[in-house]
Amino acid sequence: MILVLHGPNLSQLGSRDPAVYGAATVDELVDRVRALLPGVDAFTDESEARLVARLHAARSDGTRAVIANPGALTHYSYALRDALELLAVPKVEVHLSQTHARESFRRHSVVSPVVDVTITGAGAMGYELAARAAAELLRARG
C-alpha cells in the first residue's frame, strides 16, 4: 500500500486560493497518484494527532511508501517529522505551491530532512512526480 497523507486545510483544495494552490481537489490529486501506483490509501485530516497516529499505524499495516503534504505542519510540527522519521519506507514530501517563493515562514520545512524526496511548486503535476519518485525509490530498495 502507498499512503498519501494530507494535513490541515488541504481538504479545502479546489476552492482555497486557486491562484496559489490550483483548482484540483484533494481527491483529484490522490487520483493522479492512483493512476500511476496500485494500492493507494489516502488519509486527510486537520488534526496533527490523527496524522501522527496514521503514520504510526503505517509502521505495521503494510505501507510500502508515503507521499505526504503536511500543509502548514510542514513548517513547525516536530511530532509529524518524528513520526515520518520512524518509518523505514520511502517518503516523498510534496507541495503544490513554490514554498520558497512565498512568505518567509513557508521557506523552511522541518519534514524535509527525514524524507527521501521533496517536490515543491509543480502544482497538481507534483503528485504525479511524487508517485514516480516513490515508485523509483521502491524499485531501488528492491
C-alpha atoms as a PDB file:
ATOM      1  CA  MET A   1       0.000   0.000   0.000  1.00  0.00           C
ATOM      2  CA  ILE A   2       1.084   3.574  -0.729  1.00  0.00           C
ATOM      3  CA  LEU A   3      -0.104   6.106   1.832  1.00  0.00           C
ATOM      4  CA  VAL A   4      -0.973   9.586   0.558  1.00  0.00           C
ATOM      5  CA  LEU A   5      -1.230  11.835   3.619  1.00  0.00           C
ATOM      6  CA  HIS A   6      -2.669  15.361   3.650  1.00  0.00           C
ATOM      7  CA  GLY A   7      -2.550  17.779   6.564  1.00  0.00           C
ATOM      8  CA  PRO A   8      -4.594  20.779   7.696  1.00  0.00           C
ATOM      9  CA  ASN A   9      -6.587  22.846   5.206  1.00  0.00           C
ATOM     10  CA  LEU A  10      -5.816  20.604   2.247  1.00  0.00           C
ATOM     11  CA  SER A  11      -9.389  19.322   2.445  1.00  0.00           C
ATOM     12  CA  GLN A  12     -10.293  22.777   1.126  1.00  0.00           C
ATOM     13  CA  LEU A  13      -8.353  22.419  -2.117  1.00  0.00           C
ATOM     14  CA  GLY A  14     -10.376  23.244  -5.189  1.00  0.00           C
ATOM     15  CA  SER A  15     -11.784  26.352  -3.552  1.00  0.00           C
ATOM     16  CA  ARG A  16      -8.855  27.538  -1.426  1.00  0.00           C
ATOM     17  CA  ASP A  17      -6.947  30.293  -3.235  1.00  0.00           C
ATOM     18  CA  PRO A  18      -6.785  28.649  -6.677  1.00  0.00           C
ATOM     19  CA  ALA A  19      -4.167  31.181  -7.823  1.00  0.00           C
ATOM     20  CA  VAL A  20      -1.745  29.622  -5.317  1.00  0.00           C
ATOM     21  CA  TYR A  21      -2.969  26.029  -4.973  1.00  0.00           C
ATOM     22  CA  GLY A  22      -4.712  25.377  -8.294  1.00  0.00           C
ATOM     23  CA  ALA A  23      -8.225  24.116  -8.914  1.00  0.00           C
ATOM     24  CA  ALA A  24      -7.740  20.407  -8.176  1.00  0.00           C
ATOM     25  CA  THR A  25      -9.430  18.898  -5.135  1.00  0.00           C
ATOM     26  CA  VAL A  26      -7.589  16.618  -2.745  1.00  0.00           C
ATOM     27  CA  ASP A  27      -9.469  13.650  -4.272  1.00  0.00           C
ATOM     28  CA  GLU A  28      -8.301  14.624  -7.756  1.00  0.00           C
ATOM     29  CA  LEU A  29      -4.707  14.820  -6.528  1.00  0.00           C
ATOM     30  CA  VAL A  30      -4.974  11.359  -4.985  1.00  0.00           C
ATOM     31  CA  ASP A  31      -6.449  10.086  -8.264  1.00  0.00           C
ATOM     32  CA  ARG A  32      -3.286  11.277 -10.040  1.00  0.00           C
ATOM     33  CA  VAL A  33      -1.242   9.059  -7.726  1.00  0.00           C
ATOM     34  CA  ARG A  34      -3.680   6.152  -8.147  1.00  0.00           C
ATOM     35  CA  ALA A  35      -3.300   6.390 -11.925  1.00  0.00           C
ATOM     36  CA  LEU A  36       0.393   5.592 -11.536  1.00  0.00           C
ATOM     37  CA  LEU A  37       0.590   3.375  -8.461  1.00  0.00           C
ATOM     38  CA  PRO A  38      -1.545   0.450  -7.297  1.00  0.00           C
ATOM     39  CA  GLY A  39      -2.868   0.143  -3.765  1.00  0.00           C
ATOM     40  CA  VAL A  40      -3.144   3.775  -2.691  1.00  0.00           C
ATOM     41  CA  ASP A  41      -4.678   4.633   0.681  1.00  0.00           C
ATOM     42  CA  ALA A  42      -5.490   8.321   1.165  1.00  0.00           C
ATOM     43  CA  PHE A  43      -5.696   9.970   4.558  1.00  0.00           C
ATOM     44  CA  THR A  44      -6.609  13.639   5.002  1.00  0.00           C
ATOM     45  CA  ASP A  45      -7.067  15.185   8.422  1.00  0.00           C
ATOM     46  CA  GLU A  46      -6.957  18.582  10.093  1.00  0.00           C
ATOM     47  CA  SER A  47      -5.567  17.107  13.322  1.00  0.00           C
ATOM     48  CA  GLU A  48      -1.844  16.753  13.919  1.00  0.00           C
ATOM     49  CA  ALA A  49      -2.522  13.975  16.435  1.00  0.00           C
ATOM     50  CA  ARG A  50      -4.529  11.890  13.952  1.00  0.00           C
ATOM     51  CA  LEU A  51      -1.901  12.390  11.236  1.00  0.00           C
ATOM     52  CA  VAL A  52       0.810  11.198  13.631  1.00  0.00           C
ATOM     53  CA  ALA A  53      -1.331   8.225  14.656  1.00  0.00           C
ATOM     54  CA  ARG A  54      -1.848   7.297  10.981  1.00  0.00           C
ATOM     55  CA  LEU A  55       1.903   7.400  10.383  1.00  0.00           C
ATOM     56  CA  HIS A  56       2.459   5.216  13.437  1.00  0.00           C
ATOM     57  CA  ALA A  57      -0.040   2.716  12.031  1.00  0.00           C
ATOM     58  CA  ALA A  58       1.904   2.756   8.749  1.00  0.00           C
ATOM     59  CA  ARG A  59       4.820   1.095  10.535  1.00  0.00           C
ATOM     60  CA  SER A  60       2.913  -2.199  10.682  1.00  0.00           C
ATOM     61  CA  ASP A  61      -0.021  -2.076   8.250  1.00  0.00           C
ATOM     62  CA  GLY A  62       1.818  -2.941   5.048  1.00  0.00           C
ATOM     63  CA  THR A  63       2.533   0.612   3.938  1.00  0.00           C
ATOM     64  CA  ARG A  64       5.380   0.448   1.407  1.00  0.00           C
ATOM     65  CA  ALA A  65       5.830   4.196   0.770  1.00  0.00           C
ATOM     66  CA  VAL A  66       4.430   7.529   1.932  1.00  0.00           C
ATOM     67  CA  ILE A  67       3.614  10.612  -0.099  1.00  0.00           C
ATOM     68  CA  ALA A  68       2.925  13.461   2.328  1.00  0.00           C
ATOM     69  CA  ASN A  69       1.717  17.012   2.001  1.00  0.00           C
ATOM     70  CA  PRO A  70       1.697  18.117   5.637  1.00  0.00           C
ATOM     71  CA  GLY A  71       0.281  21.560   4.815  1.00  0.00           C
ATOM     72  CA  ALA A  72       1.139  24.169   7.437  1.00  0.00           C
ATOM     73  CA  LEU A  73       2.519  21.445   9.725  1.00  0.00           C
ATOM     74  CA  THR A  74       5.465  21.284   7.330  1.00  0.00           C
ATOM     75  CA  HIS A  75       6.977  24.333   8.966  1.00  0.00           C
ATOM     76  CA  TYR A  76       6.716  23.547  12.664  1.00  0.00           C
ATOM     77  CA  SER A  77       5.462  20.052  13.501  1.00  0.00           C
ATOM     78  CA  TYR A  78       8.315  18.140  15.045  1.00  0.00           C
ATOM     79  CA  ALA A  79       5.778  15.495  16.086  1.00  0.00           C
ATOM     80  CA  LEU A  80       4.919  14.846  12.426  1.00  0.00           C
ATOM     81  CA  ARG A  81       8.599  14.991  11.497  1.00  0.00           C
ATOM     82  CA  ASP A  82       9.449  12.395  14.142  1.00  0.00           C
ATOM     83  CA  ALA A  83       6.572  10.130  13.047  1.00  0.00           C
ATOM     84  CA  LEU A  84       7.875  10.241   9.471  1.00  0.00           C
ATOM     85  CA  GLU A  85      11.412   9.579  10.645  1.00  0.00           C
ATOM     86  CA  LEU A  86      10.261   6.372  12.367  1.00  0.00           C
ATOM     87  CA  LEU A  87       9.159   4.918   9.028  1.00  0.00           C
ATOM     88  CA  ALA A  88      11.676   2.743   7.200  1.00  0.00           C
ATOM     89  CA  VAL A  89       9.895   3.122   3.844  1.00  0.00           C
ATOM     90  CA  PRO A  90      10.410   5.602   1.001  1.00  0.00           C
ATOM     91  CA  LYS A  91       8.954   9.003   1.850  1.00  0.00           C
ATOM     92  CA  VAL A  92       8.150  11.840  -0.544  1.00  0.00           C
ATOM     93  CA  GLU A  93       7.123  15.322   0.592  1.00  0.00           C
ATOM     94  CA  VAL A  94       5.025  17.263  -1.916  1.00  0.00           C
ATOM     95  CA  HIS A  95       3.706  20.836  -2.005  1.00  0.00           C
ATOM     96  CA  LEU A  96       1.541  22.377  -4.693  1.00  0.00           C
ATOM     97  CA  SER A  97       2.942  25.893  -4.402  1.00  0.00           C
ATOM     98  CA  GLN A  98       6.546  27.013  -4.640  1.00  0.00           C
ATOM     99  CA  THR A  99       7.064  27.398  -0.901  1.00  0.00           C
ATOM    100  CA  HIS A 100      10.451  29.092  -1.335  1.00  0.00           C
ATOM    101  CA  ALA A 101       8.828  31.956  -3.253  1.00  0.00           C
ATOM    102  CA  ARG A 102       6.188  32.618  -0.602  1.00  0.00           C
ATOM    103  CA  GLU A 103       6.184  34.070   2.904  1.00  0.00           C
ATOM    104  CA  SER A 104       9.422  33.583   4.816  1.00  0.00           C
ATOM    105  CA  PHE A 105       7.855  31.167   7.335  1.00  0.00           C
ATOM    106  CA  ARG A 106       6.938  28.793   4.475  1.00  0.00           C
ATOM    107  CA  ARG A 107      10.530  28.533   3.242  1.00  0.00           C
ATOM    108  CA  HIS A 108      11.650  26.072   5.898  1.00  0.00           C
ATOM    109  CA  SER A 109      10.417  22.508   6.218  1.00  0.00           C
ATOM    110  CA  VAL A 110      11.108  20.536   9.377  1.00  0.00           C
ATOM    111  CA  VAL A 111       9.932  17.470   7.441  1.00  0.00           C
ATOM    112  CA  SER A 112      12.402  17.645   4.532  1.00  0.00           C
ATOM    113  CA  PRO A 113      15.407  16.294   6.465  1.00  0.00           C
ATOM    114  CA  VAL A 114      13.611  12.975   7.147  1.00  0.00           C
ATOM    115  CA  VAL A 115      12.152  12.293   3.688  1.00  0.00           C
ATOM    116  CA  ASP A 116      13.864  10.962   0.585  1.00  0.00           C
ATOM    117  CA  VAL A 117      12.500  13.496  -1.903  1.00  0.00           C
ATOM    118  CA  THR A 118      10.834  16.912  -1.677  1.00  0.00           C
ATOM    119  CA  ILE A 119       8.776  18.250  -4.579  1.00  0.00           C
ATOM    120  CA  THR A 120       7.560  21.818  -4.426  1.00  0.00           C
ATOM    121  CA  GLY A 121       5.988  24.226  -6.872  1.00  0.00           C
ATOM    122  CA  ALA A 122       4.877  21.793  -9.581  1.00  0.00           C
ATOM    123  CA  GLY A 123       1.171  22.194  -8.853  1.00  0.00           C
ATOM    124  CA  ALA A 124      -1.019  19.132  -9.359  1.00  0.00           C
ATOM    125  CA  MET A 125       1.692  17.572 -11.516  1.00  0.00           C
ATOM    126  CA  GLY A 126       3.769  17.389  -8.330  1.00  0.00           C
ATOM    127  CA  TYR A 127       1.632  14.465  -7.221  1.00  0.00           C
ATOM    128  CA  GLU A 128       2.491  12.557 -10.393  1.00  0.00           C
ATOM    129  CA  LEU A 129       6.156  13.362  -9.796  1.00  0.00           C
ATOM    130  CA  ALA A 130       5.784  12.190  -6.199  1.00  0.00           C
ATOM    131  CA  ALA A 131       4.237   8.918  -7.364  1.00  0.00           C
ATOM    132  CA  ARG A 132       7.076   8.383  -9.833  1.00  0.00           C
ATOM    133  CA  ALA A 133       9.656   9.172  -7.146  1.00  0.00           C
ATOM    134  CA  ALA A 134       8.016   6.733  -4.719  1.00  0.00           C
ATOM    135  CA  ALA A 135       7.952   4.014  -7.384  1.00  0.00           C
ATOM    136  CA  GLU A 136      11.613   4.561  -8.237  1.00  0.00           C
ATOM    137  CA  LEU A 137      12.620   4.523  -4.570  1.00  0.00           C
ATOM    138  CA  LEU A 138      10.719   1.254  -4.115  1.00  0.00           C
ATOM    139  CA  ARG A 139      12.474  -0.250  -7.142  1.00  0.00           C
ATOM    140  CA  ALA A 140      15.868   0.892  -5.881  1.00  0.00           C
ATOM    141  CA  ARG A 141      15.253  -0.697  -2.486  1.00  0.00           C
ATOM    142  CA  GLY A 142      14.165  -3.957  -4.085  1.00  0.00           C
END
